[in-house]
Amino acid sequence: MRWDLLSLFLVNGLIVGVLYGLVAMCFVLIYKASRVVNFAQGELMLIGAWVCWSALAQYGLSFPVAFLFTVAFSALLGVAIQLVVLRPLIGEPLISMIMVTVGLSVFFQAVLKWIFGVAPQSFPPVLSVQKISFLGMEVEAAYLASSGAAIVLLAGFAYFFKVSKLGLAMRATAFNQQVAQSLGVSVRHVFALAWAISAFVSAMAGIVIALVNGVSAGLSAFGIKVFPAVILGGLDSIVGAVIGGIVIGVLENVAEYVDGQYLHWGNLYTIAPFYVLVIILMIKPYGLFGSRDIERL
């Protein structure tokens, strides 16, 4: 067994897993606030990547300016989606709102292909160093830097939800919308805030992935890859989403190592998370950290 190669895959799995956890947290934020599963999450990542690429490659902005512009644009887009598309559906069956997010996914894909085409594009170099030696291994600098930023961001969100007034309002709304509204919380503002946070965090993750792999329509599939992490951790648990993302990231890379060294199936990297997801849900149907719903008849 090549321990050096396995260690490299484990480190890559941890780094990518933190990104998975960050995007999985976006799913959970929207679900906890409005009980809607957003199937357009991958497209929000893709929009962020394309907007940042356009600001860099076509308009010549510096990366810090392009990055700030992208996250601001994405946050406003998230609010616009909630106000224009989803708010009129409040009170309608949840399946209607979920199907609208599916329609948004198709709509955004079509619009982005119309604007930017279907050819993959490489990001202009924004980091002076592409790879960094870490514990004797060569790791993508963008992933390493983004992991540090993601950890800081997750810590910031933990503080936001536990201490800030808006964070407490979001927690109250997630617990019971009617009770929160009776206490003076604006549920509509909480919905808009949840979509804004989800959109700009997704844009950040999309930019990081595009820095390494380039930007193309295929990047939106990242949203579906993250979904096993969401279900694994528990659809209503932010901590579970983060841990589920790390587990899926490590699992994918270990599966790729085992497949490359021993099995040679060629697709174990893609299917392993879903197999493990099915097995865990057979044991814990609500995920590792999800809340069990109790219904009285």
C-alpha atoms as a PDB file:
ATOM      1  CA  MET A   1       0.000   0.000   0.000  1.00  0.00           C
ATOM      2  CA  ARG A   2       1.306   3.435  -0.973  1.00  0.00           C
ATOM      3  CA  TRP A   3       0.827   5.406   2.227  1.00  0.00           C
ATOM      4  CA  ASP A   4       2.154   8.623   0.687  1.00  0.00           C
ATOM      5  CA  LEU A   5      -0.487   8.501  -2.061  1.00  0.00           C
ATOM      6  CA  LEU A   6      -3.242   7.588   0.402  1.00  0.00           C
ATOM      7  CA  SER A   7      -2.222  10.521   2.623  1.00  0.00           C
ATOM      8  CA  LEU A   8      -2.469  12.869  -0.358  1.00  0.00           C
ATOM      9  CA  PHE A   9      -5.973  11.636  -1.161  1.00  0.00           C
ATOM     10  CA  LEU A  10      -7.011  12.007   2.486  1.00  0.00           C
ATOM     11  CA  VAL A  11      -5.754  15.598   2.637  1.00  0.00           C
ATOM     12  CA  ASN A  12      -7.496  16.427  -0.648  1.00  0.00           C
ATOM     13  CA  GLY A  13     -10.652  14.794   0.686  1.00  0.00           C
ATOM     14  CA  LEU A  14     -10.584  16.928   3.829  1.00  0.00           C
ATOM     15  CA  ILE A  15     -10.027  20.118   1.833  1.00  0.00           C
ATOM     16  CA  VAL A  16     -12.763  19.381  -0.699  1.00  0.00           C
ATOM     17  CA  GLY A  17     -14.987  18.120   2.116  1.00  0.00           C
ATOM     18  CA  VAL A  18     -14.885  21.526   3.804  1.00  0.00           C
ATOM     19  CA  LEU A  19     -16.171  23.051   0.552  1.00  0.00           C
ATOM     20  CA  TYR A  20     -18.876  20.381   0.364  1.00  0.00           C
ATOM     21  CA  GLY A  21     -19.840  21.236   3.925  1.00  0.00           C
ATOM     22  CA  LEU A  22     -20.045  24.936   3.110  1.00  0.00           C
ATOM     23  CA  VAL A  23     -22.393  24.334   0.161  1.00  0.00           C
ATOM     24  CA  ALA A  24     -24.372  21.755   2.151  1.00  0.00           C
ATOM     25  CA  MET A  25     -24.896  24.430   4.791  1.00  0.00           C
ATOM     26  CA  CYS A  26     -26.607  26.545   2.108  1.00  0.00           C
ATOM     27  CA  PHE A  27     -29.124  23.752   1.488  1.00  0.00           C
ATOM     28  CA  VAL A  28     -29.813  23.528   5.208  1.00  0.00           C
ATOM     29  CA  LEU A  29     -30.193  27.295   5.659  1.00  0.00           C
ATOM     30  CA  ILE A  30     -32.963  27.494   3.083  1.00  0.00           C
ATOM     31  CA  TYR A  31     -34.623  24.301   4.285  1.00  0.00           C
ATOM     32  CA  LYS A  32     -34.616  25.376   7.943  1.00  0.00           C
ATOM     33  CA  ALA A  33     -36.025  28.800   7.093  1.00  0.00           C
ATOM     34  CA  SER A  34     -38.685  27.811   4.569  1.00  0.00           C
ATOM     35  CA  ARG A  35     -38.790  23.968   4.382  1.00  0.00           C
ATOM     36  CA  VAL A  36     -37.816  24.201   0.713  1.00  0.00           C
ATOM     37  CA  VAL A  37     -35.106  22.011  -0.839  1.00  0.00           C
ATOM     38  CA  ASN A  38     -33.293  24.226  -3.342  1.00  0.00           C
ATOM     39  CA  PHE A  39     -32.399  22.180  -6.418  1.00  0.00           C
ATOM     40  CA  ALA A  40     -30.888  25.272  -8.078  1.00  0.00           C
ATOM     41  CA  GLN A  41     -27.965  25.390  -5.615  1.00  0.00           C
ATOM     42  CA  GLY A  42     -25.476  24.182  -8.210  1.00  0.00           C
ATOM     43  CA  GLU A  43     -26.620  26.875 -10.632  1.00  0.00           C
ATOM     44  CA  LEU A  44     -26.009  29.552  -7.980  1.00  0.00           C
ATOM     45  CA  MET A  45     -22.435  28.266  -7.786  1.00  0.00           C
ATOM     46  CA  LEU A  46     -22.163  28.373 -11.572  1.00  0.00           C
ATOM     47  CA  ILE A  47     -23.500  31.931 -11.737  1.00  0.00           C
ATOM     48  CA  GLY A  48     -20.925  33.058  -9.196  1.00  0.00           C
ATOM     49  CA  ALA A  49     -18.112  31.403 -11.160  1.00  0.00           C
ATOM     50  CA  TRP A  50     -19.203  32.921 -14.491  1.00  0.00           C
ATOM     51  CA  VAL A  51     -19.721  36.413 -13.047  1.00  0.00           C
ATOM     52  CA  CYS A  52     -16.269  36.395 -11.431  1.00  0.00           C
ATOM     53  CA  TRP A  53     -14.650  35.012 -14.594  1.00  0.00           C
ATOM     54  CA  SER A  54     -16.336  37.703 -16.682  1.00  0.00           C
ATOM     55  CA  ALA A  55     -15.195  40.450 -14.295  1.00  0.00           C
ATOM     56  CA  LEU A  56     -11.619  39.162 -14.497  1.00  0.00           C
ATOM     57  CA  ALA A  57     -11.262  38.077 -18.131  1.00  0.00           C
ATOM     58  CA  GLN A  58     -13.577  40.489 -19.937  1.00  0.00           C
ATOM     59  CA  TYR A  59     -13.497  43.625 -17.793  1.00  0.00           C
ATOM     60  CA  GLY A  60      -9.979  43.345 -16.363  1.00  0.00           C
ATOM     61  CA  LEU A  61     -10.908  43.869 -12.719  1.00  0.00           C
ATOM     62  CA  SER A  62      -8.520  42.770 -10.005  1.00  0.00           C
ATOM     63  CA  PHE A  63      -9.449  39.559  -8.211  1.00  0.00           C
ATOM     64  CA  PRO A  64     -10.399  41.189  -4.858  1.00  0.00           C
ATOM     65  CA  VAL A  65     -12.713  43.643  -6.642  1.00  0.00           C
ATOM     66  CA  ALA A  66     -14.176  40.898  -8.869  1.00  0.00           C
ATOM     67  CA  PHE A  67     -14.690  38.654  -5.856  1.00  0.00           C
ATOM     68  CA  LEU A  68     -16.494  41.323  -3.821  1.00  0.00           C
ATOM     69  CA  PHE A  69     -18.628  42.274  -6.819  1.00  0.00           C
ATOM     70  CA  THR A  70     -19.560  38.629  -7.376  1.00  0.00           C
ATOM     71  CA  VAL A  71     -20.630  37.903  -3.811  1.00  0.00           C
ATOM     72  CA  ALA A  72     -22.630  41.157  -3.671  1.00  0.00           C
ATOM     73  CA  PHE A  73     -24.313  40.334  -6.982  1.00  0.00           C
ATOM     74  CA  SER A  74     -25.074  36.794  -5.810  1.00  0.00           C
ATOM     75  CA  ALA A  75     -26.560  37.991  -2.521  1.00  0.00           C
ATOM     76  CA  LEU A  76     -28.854  40.391  -4.395  1.00  0.00           C
ATOM     77  CA  LEU A  77     -29.792  37.607  -6.805  1.00  0.00           C
ATOM     78  CA  GLY A  78     -30.729  35.373  -3.877  1.00  0.00           C
ATOM     79  CA  VAL A  79     -32.969  38.080  -2.439  1.00  0.00           C
ATOM     80  CA  ALA A  80     -34.530  38.679  -5.881  1.00  0.00           C
ATOM     81  CA  ILE A  81     -35.293  34.952  -6.280  1.00  0.00           C
ATOM     82  CA  GLN A  82     -37.025  34.877  -2.911  1.00  0.00           C
ATOM     83  CA  LEU A  83     -38.987  38.089  -3.496  1.00  0.00           C
ATOM     84  CA  VAL A  84     -40.024  37.624  -7.111  1.00  0.00           C
ATOM     85  CA  VAL A  85     -40.290  33.864  -7.548  1.00  0.00           C
ATOM     86  CA  LEU A  86     -40.888  32.227  -4.175  1.00  0.00           C
ATOM     87  CA  ARG A  87     -42.722  34.785  -2.043  1.00  0.00           C
ATOM     88  CA  PRO A  88     -45.909  34.610  -4.170  1.00  0.00           C
ATOM     89  CA  LEU A  89     -45.961  30.867  -3.462  1.00  0.00           C
ATOM     90  CA  ILE A  90     -46.073  31.215   0.341  1.00  0.00           C
ATOM     91  CA  GLY A  91     -49.015  29.163   1.565  1.00  0.00           C
ATOM     92  CA  GLU A  92     -48.968  26.879  -1.474  1.00  0.00           C
ATOM     93  CA  PRO A  93     -48.019  23.171  -1.172  1.00  0.00           C
ATOM     94  CA  LEU A  94     -44.293  22.677  -0.605  1.00  0.00           C
ATOM     95  CA  ILE A  95     -44.015  20.516  -3.711  1.00  0.00           C
ATOM     96  CA  SER A  96     -44.915  23.588  -5.773  1.00  0.00           C
ATOM     97  CA  MET A  97     -42.016  25.571  -4.311  1.00  0.00           C
ATOM     98  CA  ILE A  98     -39.607  22.671  -4.753  1.00  0.00           C
ATOM     99  CA  MET A  99     -40.604  22.253  -8.407  1.00  0.00           C
ATOM    100  CA  VAL A 100     -40.044  25.981  -8.915  1.00  0.00           C
ATOM    101  CA  THR A 101     -36.420  25.542  -7.801  1.00  0.00           C
ATOM    102  CA  VAL A 102     -36.106  22.725 -10.361  1.00  0.00           C
ATOM    103  CA  GLY A 103     -37.453  25.117 -12.995  1.00  0.00           C
ATOM    104  CA  LEU A 104     -34.989  27.789 -11.843  1.00  0.00           C
ATOM    105  CA  SER A 105     -32.171  25.282 -12.315  1.00  0.00           C
ATOM    106  CA  VAL A 106     -33.162  24.633 -15.940  1.00  0.00           C
ATOM    107  CA  PHE A 107     -33.762  28.335 -16.599  1.00  0.00           C
ATOM    108  CA  PHE A 108     -30.363  29.418 -15.223  1.00  0.00           C
ATOM    109  CA  GLN A 109     -28.585  26.688 -17.190  1.00  0.00           C
ATOM    110  CA  ALA A 110     -30.190  27.855 -20.432  1.00  0.00           C
ATOM    111  CA  VAL A 111     -29.488  31.549 -19.774  1.00  0.00           C
ATOM    112  CA  LEU A 112     -25.841  30.929 -18.839  1.00  0.00           C
ATOM    113  CA  LYS A 113     -25.255  28.810 -21.942  1.00  0.00           C
ATOM    114  CA  TRP A 114     -26.833  31.554 -24.052  1.00  0.00           C
ATOM    115  CA  ILE A 115     -24.632  34.268 -22.508  1.00  0.00           C
ATOM    116  CA  PHE A 116     -21.321  32.441 -22.048  1.00  0.00           C
ATOM    117  CA  GLY A 117     -21.591  29.521 -24.474  1.00  0.00           C
ATOM    118  CA  VAL A 118     -20.811  25.891 -23.738  1.00  0.00           C
ATOM    119  CA  ALA A 119     -17.007  25.939 -24.082  1.00  0.00           C
ATOM    120  CA  PRO A 120     -15.116  25.577 -20.782  1.00  0.00           C
ATOM    121  CA  GLN A 121     -13.047  28.604 -19.776  1.00  0.00           C
ATOM    122  CA  SER A 122      -9.947  28.770 -17.610  1.00  0.00           C
ATOM    123  CA  PHE A 123      -9.706  31.409 -14.919  1.00  0.00           C
ATOM    124  CA  PRO A 124      -6.949  34.000 -15.334  1.00  0.00           C
ATOM    125  CA  PRO A 125      -4.139  33.311 -12.829  1.00  0.00           C
ATOM    126  CA  VAL A 126      -5.012  35.062  -9.581  1.00  0.00           C
ATOM    127  CA  LEU A 127      -2.565  33.352  -7.226  1.00  0.00           C
ATOM    128  CA  SER A 128       1.176  33.710  -7.550  1.00  0.00           C
ATOM    129  CA  VAL A 129       1.603  30.097  -6.423  1.00  0.00           C
ATOM    130  CA  GLN A 130      -0.544  27.326  -7.890  1.00  0.00           C
ATOM    131  CA  LYS A 131       0.496  24.525  -5.526  1.00  0.00           C
ATOM    132  CA  ILE A 132       1.817  24.544  -1.976  1.00  0.00           C
ATOM    133  CA  SER A 133       3.874  21.922  -0.175  1.00  0.00           C
ATOM    134  CA  PHE A 134       1.780  20.827   2.779  1.00  0.00           C
ATOM    135  CA  LEU A 135       3.018  18.031   5.082  1.00  0.00           C
ATOM    136  CA  GLY A 136       5.321  16.893   2.303  1.00  0.00           C
ATOM    137  CA  MET A 137       2.540  16.859  -0.325  1.00  0.00           C
ATOM    138  CA  GLU A 138       1.641  19.134  -3.229  1.00  0.00           C
ATOM    139  CA  VAL A 139      -1.799  20.664  -2.628  1.00  0.00           C
ATOM    140  CA  GLU A 140      -3.719  23.133  -4.802  1.00  0.00           C
ATOM    141  CA  ALA A 141      -3.161  26.595  -3.311  1.00  0.00           C
ATOM    142  CA  ALA A 142      -6.732  27.677  -4.119  1.00  0.00           C
ATOM    143  CA  TYR A 143      -8.204  24.726  -2.228  1.00  0.00           C
ATOM    144  CA  LEU A 144      -5.893  25.228   0.732  1.00  0.00           C
ATOM    145  CA  ALA A 145      -6.653  28.951   0.968  1.00  0.00           C
ATOM    146  CA  SER A 146     -10.367  28.348   0.525  1.00  0.00           C
ATOM    147  CA  SER A 147     -10.395  25.744   3.288  1.00  0.00           C
ATOM    148  CA  GLY A 148      -8.948  28.272   5.705  1.00  0.00           C
ATOM    149  CA  ALA A 149     -11.498  30.862   4.571  1.00  0.00           C
ATOM    150  CA  ALA A 150     -14.304  28.293   4.846  1.00  0.00           C
ATOM    151  CA  ILE A 151     -13.343  27.426   8.422  1.00  0.00           C
ATOM    152  CA  VAL A 152     -13.344  31.129   9.339  1.00  0.00           C
ATOM    153  CA  LEU A 153     -16.699  31.555   7.592  1.00  0.00           C
ATOM    154  CA  LEU A 154     -18.220  28.579   9.400  1.00  0.00           C
ATOM    155  CA  ALA A 155     -16.980  29.948  12.730  1.00  0.00           C
ATOM    156  CA  GLY A 156     -18.513  33.300  11.807  1.00  0.00           C
ATOM    157  CA  PHE A 157     -21.844  31.650  11.040  1.00  0.00           C
ATOM    158  CA  ALA A 158     -21.742  29.792  14.365  1.00  0.00           C
ATOM    159  CA  TYR A 159     -21.307  33.132  16.147  1.00  0.00           C
ATOM    160  CA  PHE A 160     -23.973  34.746  13.951  1.00  0.00           C
ATOM    161  CA  PHE A 161     -26.615  32.129  14.784  1.00  0.00           C
ATOM    162  CA  LYS A 162     -25.867  32.022  18.515  1.00  0.00           C
ATOM    163  CA  VAL A 163     -25.361  35.718  19.335  1.00  0.00           C
ATOM    164  CA  SER A 164     -26.690  38.120  16.693  1.00  0.00           C
ATOM    165  CA  LYS A 165     -30.288  39.298  16.621  1.00  0.00           C
ATOM    166  CA  LEU A 166     -30.762  38.232  13.005  1.00  0.00           C
ATOM    167  CA  GLY A 167     -29.261  34.830  13.700  1.00  0.00           C
ATOM    168  CA  LEU A 168     -31.582  34.269  16.634  1.00  0.00           C
ATOM    169  CA  ALA A 169     -34.508  35.354  14.437  1.00  0.00           C
ATOM    170  CA  MET A 170     -33.511  32.764  11.838  1.00  0.00           C
ATOM    171  CA  ARG A 171     -33.293  30.056  14.492  1.00  0.00           C
ATOM    172  CA  ALA A 172     -36.692  31.030  15.865  1.00  0.00           C
ATOM    173  CA  THR A 173     -38.224  30.972  12.377  1.00  0.00           C
ATOM    174  CA  ALA A 174     -36.712  27.561  11.695  1.00  0.00           C
ATOM    175  CA  PHE A 175     -38.192  26.243  14.943  1.00  0.00           C
ATOM    176  CA  ASN A 176     -41.713  27.585  14.406  1.00  0.00           C
ATOM    177  CA  GLN A 177     -42.693  30.263  11.908  1.00  0.00           C
ATOM    178  CA  GLN A 178     -45.979  31.173  13.599  1.00  0.00           C
ATOM    179  CA  VAL A 179     -44.417  31.541  17.045  1.00  0.00           C
ATOM    180  CA  ALA A 180     -41.547  33.606  15.628  1.00  0.00           C
ATOM    181  CA  GLN A 181     -43.991  35.896  13.841  1.00  0.00           C
ATOM    182  CA  SER A 182     -46.016  36.359  17.050  1.00  0.00           C
ATOM    183  CA  LEU A 183     -42.804  37.498  18.762  1.00  0.00           C
ATOM    184  CA  GLY A 184     -42.239  40.228  16.179  1.00  0.00           C
ATOM    185  CA  VAL A 185     -39.889  38.399  13.816  1.00  0.00           C
ATOM    186  CA  SER A 186     -40.387  39.259  10.148  1.00  0.00           C
ATOM    187  CA  VAL A 187     -40.539  35.811   8.573  1.00  0.00           C
ATOM    188  CA  ARG A 188     -40.352  37.312   5.078  1.00  0.00           C
ATOM    189  CA  HIS A 189     -37.115  39.120   5.939  1.00  0.00           C
ATOM    190  CA  VAL A 190     -35.704  35.895   7.362  1.00  0.00           C
ATOM    191  CA  PHE A 191     -36.560  34.052   4.133  1.00  0.00           C
ATOM    192  CA  ALA A 192     -34.813  36.742   2.072  1.00  0.00           C
ATOM    193  CA  LEU A 193     -31.759  36.688   4.360  1.00  0.00           C
ATOM    194  CA  ALA A 194     -31.500  32.894   4.105  1.00  0.00           C
ATOM    195  CA  TRP A 195     -31.527  33.049   0.296  1.00  0.00           C
ATOM    196  CA  ALA A 196     -28.994  35.910   0.262  1.00  0.00           C
ATOM    197  CA  ILE A 197     -26.561  34.003   2.493  1.00  0.00           C
ATOM    198  CA  SER A 198     -27.066  30.797   0.526  1.00  0.00           C
ATOM    199  CA  ALA A 199     -26.446  32.533  -2.802  1.00  0.00           C
ATOM    200  CA  PHE A 200     -23.284  34.390  -1.844  1.00  0.00           C
ATOM    201  CA  VAL A 201     -21.727  31.388  -0.061  1.00  0.00           C
ATOM    202  CA  SER A 202     -22.514  29.229  -3.106  1.00  0.00           C
ATOM    203  CA  ALA A 203     -20.863  31.840  -5.320  1.00  0.00           C
ATOM    204  CA  MET A 204     -17.724  31.726  -3.162  1.00  0.00           C
ATOM    205  CA  ALA A 205     -17.566  27.943  -3.461  1.00  0.00           C
ATOM    206  CA  GLY A 206     -18.139  28.144  -7.225  1.00  0.00           C
ATOM    207  CA  ILE A 207     -15.261  30.607  -7.616  1.00  0.00           C
ATOM    208  CA  VAL A 208     -12.866  28.369  -5.675  1.00  0.00           C
ATOM    209  CA  ILE A 209     -13.724  25.289  -7.735  1.00  0.00           C
ATOM    210  CA  ALA A 210     -13.464  27.259 -10.977  1.00  0.00           C
ATOM    211  CA  LEU A 211     -10.022  28.578 -10.010  1.00  0.00           C
ATOM    212  CA  VAL A 212      -8.741  24.997 -10.055  1.00  0.00           C
ATOM    213  CA  ASN A 213     -10.914  23.264 -12.664  1.00  0.00           C
ATOM    214  CA  GLY A 214     -12.081  26.140 -14.877  1.00  0.00           C
ATOM    215  CA  VAL A 215     -15.694  27.160 -15.347  1.00  0.00           C
ATOM    216  CA  SER A 216     -18.228  25.312 -17.486  1.00  0.00           C
ATOM    217  CA  ALA A 217     -21.822  24.132 -17.303  1.00  0.00           C
ATOM    218  CA  GLY A 218     -20.622  20.960 -15.603  1.00  0.00           C
ATOM    219  CA  LEU A 219     -19.776  22.907 -12.457  1.00  0.00           C
ATOM    220  CA  SER A 220     -23.477  23.019 -11.549  1.00  0.00           C
ATOM    221  CA  ALA A 221     -23.384  19.253 -10.989  1.00  0.00           C
ATOM    222  CA  PHE A 222     -21.469  20.058  -7.814  1.00  0.00           C
ATOM    223  CA  GLY A 223     -24.814  20.922  -6.226  1.00  0.00           C
ATOM    224  CA  ILE A 224     -26.086  17.374  -6.781  1.00  0.00           C
ATOM    225  CA  LYS A 225     -22.805  15.910  -5.503  1.00  0.00           C
ATOM    226  CA  VAL A 226     -23.275  17.852  -2.277  1.00  0.00           C
ATOM    227  CA  PHE A 227     -26.808  16.538  -1.761  1.00  0.00           C
ATOM    228  CA  PRO A 228     -25.634  13.205  -0.228  1.00  0.00           C
ATOM    229  CA  ALA A 229     -23.709  15.268   2.349  1.00  0.00           C
ATOM    230  CA  VAL A 230     -26.894  17.159   3.217  1.00  0.00           C
ATOM    231  CA  ILE A 231     -28.955  13.998   3.665  1.00  0.00           C
ATOM    232  CA  LEU A 232     -26.135  12.210   5.452  1.00  0.00           C
ATOM    233  CA  GLY A 233     -25.729  14.930   8.063  1.00  0.00           C
ATOM    234  CA  GLY A 234     -29.435  15.654   8.392  1.00  0.00           C
ATOM    235  CA  LEU A 235     -31.491  18.034   6.308  1.00  0.00           C
ATOM    236  CA  ASP A 236     -32.177  20.345   9.250  1.00  0.00           C
ATOM    237  CA  SER A 237     -28.737  20.323  10.913  1.00  0.00           C
ATOM    238  CA  ILE A 238     -26.055  22.861   9.999  1.00  0.00           C
ATOM    239  CA  VAL A 239     -23.431  20.977  12.022  1.00  0.00           C
ATOM    240  CA  GLY A 240     -24.523  17.775  10.323  1.00  0.00           C
ATOM    241  CA  ALA A 241     -24.191  19.386   6.891  1.00  0.00           C
ATOM    242  CA  VAL A 242     -20.594  20.390   7.584  1.00  0.00           C
ATOM    243  CA  ILE A 243     -19.653  16.992   8.999  1.00  0.00           C
ATOM    244  CA  GLY A 244     -21.515  15.232   6.180  1.00  0.00           C
ATOM    245  CA  GLY A 245     -19.578  17.291   3.629  1.00  0.00           C
ATOM    246  CA  ILE A 246     -16.242  16.313   5.175  1.00  0.00           C
ATOM    247  CA  VAL A 247     -17.270  12.646   5.308  1.00  0.00           C
ATOM    248  CA  ILE A 248     -18.342  12.645   1.651  1.00  0.00           C
ATOM    249  CA  GLY A 249     -15.170  14.477   0.561  1.00  0.00           C
ATOM    250  CA  VAL A 250     -12.911  11.968   2.325  1.00  0.00           C
ATOM    251  CA  LEU A 251     -15.005   9.032   1.134  1.00  0.00           C
ATOM    252  CA  GLU A 252     -14.809  10.139  -2.498  1.00  0.00           C
ATOM    253  CA  ASN A 253     -11.040  10.457  -2.410  1.00  0.00           C
ATOM    254  CA  VAL A 254     -10.505   7.170  -0.567  1.00  0.00           C
ATOM    255  CA  ALA A 255     -12.763   5.491  -3.137  1.00  0.00           C
ATOM    256  CA  GLU A 256     -10.691   7.017  -5.932  1.00  0.00           C
ATOM    257  CA  TYR A 257      -7.495   5.720  -4.311  1.00  0.00           C
ATOM    258  CA  VAL A 258      -8.890   2.187  -3.847  1.00  0.00           C
ATOM    259  CA  ASP A 259     -10.279   2.158  -7.385  1.00  0.00           C
ATOM    260  CA  GLY A 260      -7.029   3.399  -8.924  1.00  0.00           C
ATOM    261  CA  GLN A 261      -4.773   1.053  -6.964  1.00  0.00           C
ATOM    262  CA  TYR A 262      -6.829  -2.124  -6.725  1.00  0.00           C
ATOM    263  CA  LEU A 263     -10.305  -2.364  -8.280  1.00  0.00           C
ATOM    264  CA  HIS A 264      -9.930  -0.393 -11.547  1.00  0.00           C
ATOM    265  CA  TRP A 265     -13.692  -0.024 -11.984  1.00  0.00           C
ATOM    266  CA  GLY A 266     -13.386   3.563 -13.157  1.00  0.00           C
ATOM    267  CA  ASN A 267     -16.486   5.026 -11.499  1.00  0.00           C
ATOM    268  CA  LEU A 268     -16.197   4.196  -7.798  1.00  0.00           C
ATOM    269  CA  TYR A 269     -15.352   7.855  -7.068  1.00  0.00           C
ATOM    270  CA  THR A 270     -18.794   8.899  -8.301  1.00  0.00           C
ATOM    271  CA  ILE A 271     -21.018   6.193  -6.859  1.00  0.00           C
ATOM    272  CA  ALA A 272     -19.391   5.437  -3.476  1.00  0.00           C
ATOM    273  CA  PRO A 273     -21.025   8.384  -1.614  1.00  0.00           C
ATOM    274  CA  PHE A 274     -24.484   7.308  -2.789  1.00  0.00           C
ATOM    275  CA  TYR A 275     -23.936   3.691  -1.698  1.00  0.00           C
ATOM    276  CA  VAL A 276     -22.837   4.832   1.749  1.00  0.00           C
ATOM    277  CA  LEU A 277     -25.756   7.267   1.855  1.00  0.00           C
ATOM    278  CA  VAL A 278     -28.253   4.448   1.262  1.00  0.00           C
ATOM    279  CA  ILE A 279     -26.640   2.266   3.938  1.00  0.00           C
ATOM    280  CA  ILE A 280     -26.631   5.035   6.568  1.00  0.00           C
ATOM    281  CA  LEU A 281     -30.220   6.062   5.824  1.00  0.00           C
ATOM    282  CA  MET A 282     -31.311   2.444   6.305  1.00  0.00           C
ATOM    283  CA  ILE A 283     -29.934   2.751   9.846  1.00  0.00           C
ATOM    284  CA  LYS A 284     -30.710   6.431  10.577  1.00  0.00           C
ATOM    285  CA  PRO A 285     -33.455   7.660   8.214  1.00  0.00           C
ATOM    286  CA  TYR A 286     -33.141  11.268   9.445  1.00  0.00           C
ATOM    287  CA  GLY A 287     -29.374  11.412   8.895  1.00  0.00           C
ATOM    288  CA  LEU A 288     -26.603  11.455  11.473  1.00  0.00           C
ATOM    289  CA  PHE A 289     -27.723  14.700  13.146  1.00  0.00           C
ATOM    290  CA  GLY A 290     -31.228  15.261  11.759  1.00  0.00           C
ATOM    291  CA  SER A 291     -34.219  15.801  14.030  1.00  0.00           C
ATOM    292  CA  ARG A 292     -36.693  12.973  14.191  1.00  0.00           C
ATOM    293  CA  ASP A 293     -40.231  14.079  13.407  1.00  0.00           C
ATOM    294  CA  ILE A 294     -42.822  12.753  15.845  1.00  0.00           C
ATOM    295  CA  GLU A 295     -46.414  12.740  14.647  1.00  0.00           C
ATOM    296  CA  ARG A 296     -49.386  12.080  16.887  1.00  0.00           C
ATOM    297  CA  LEU A 297     -52.473  10.502  15.396  1.00  0.00           C
END
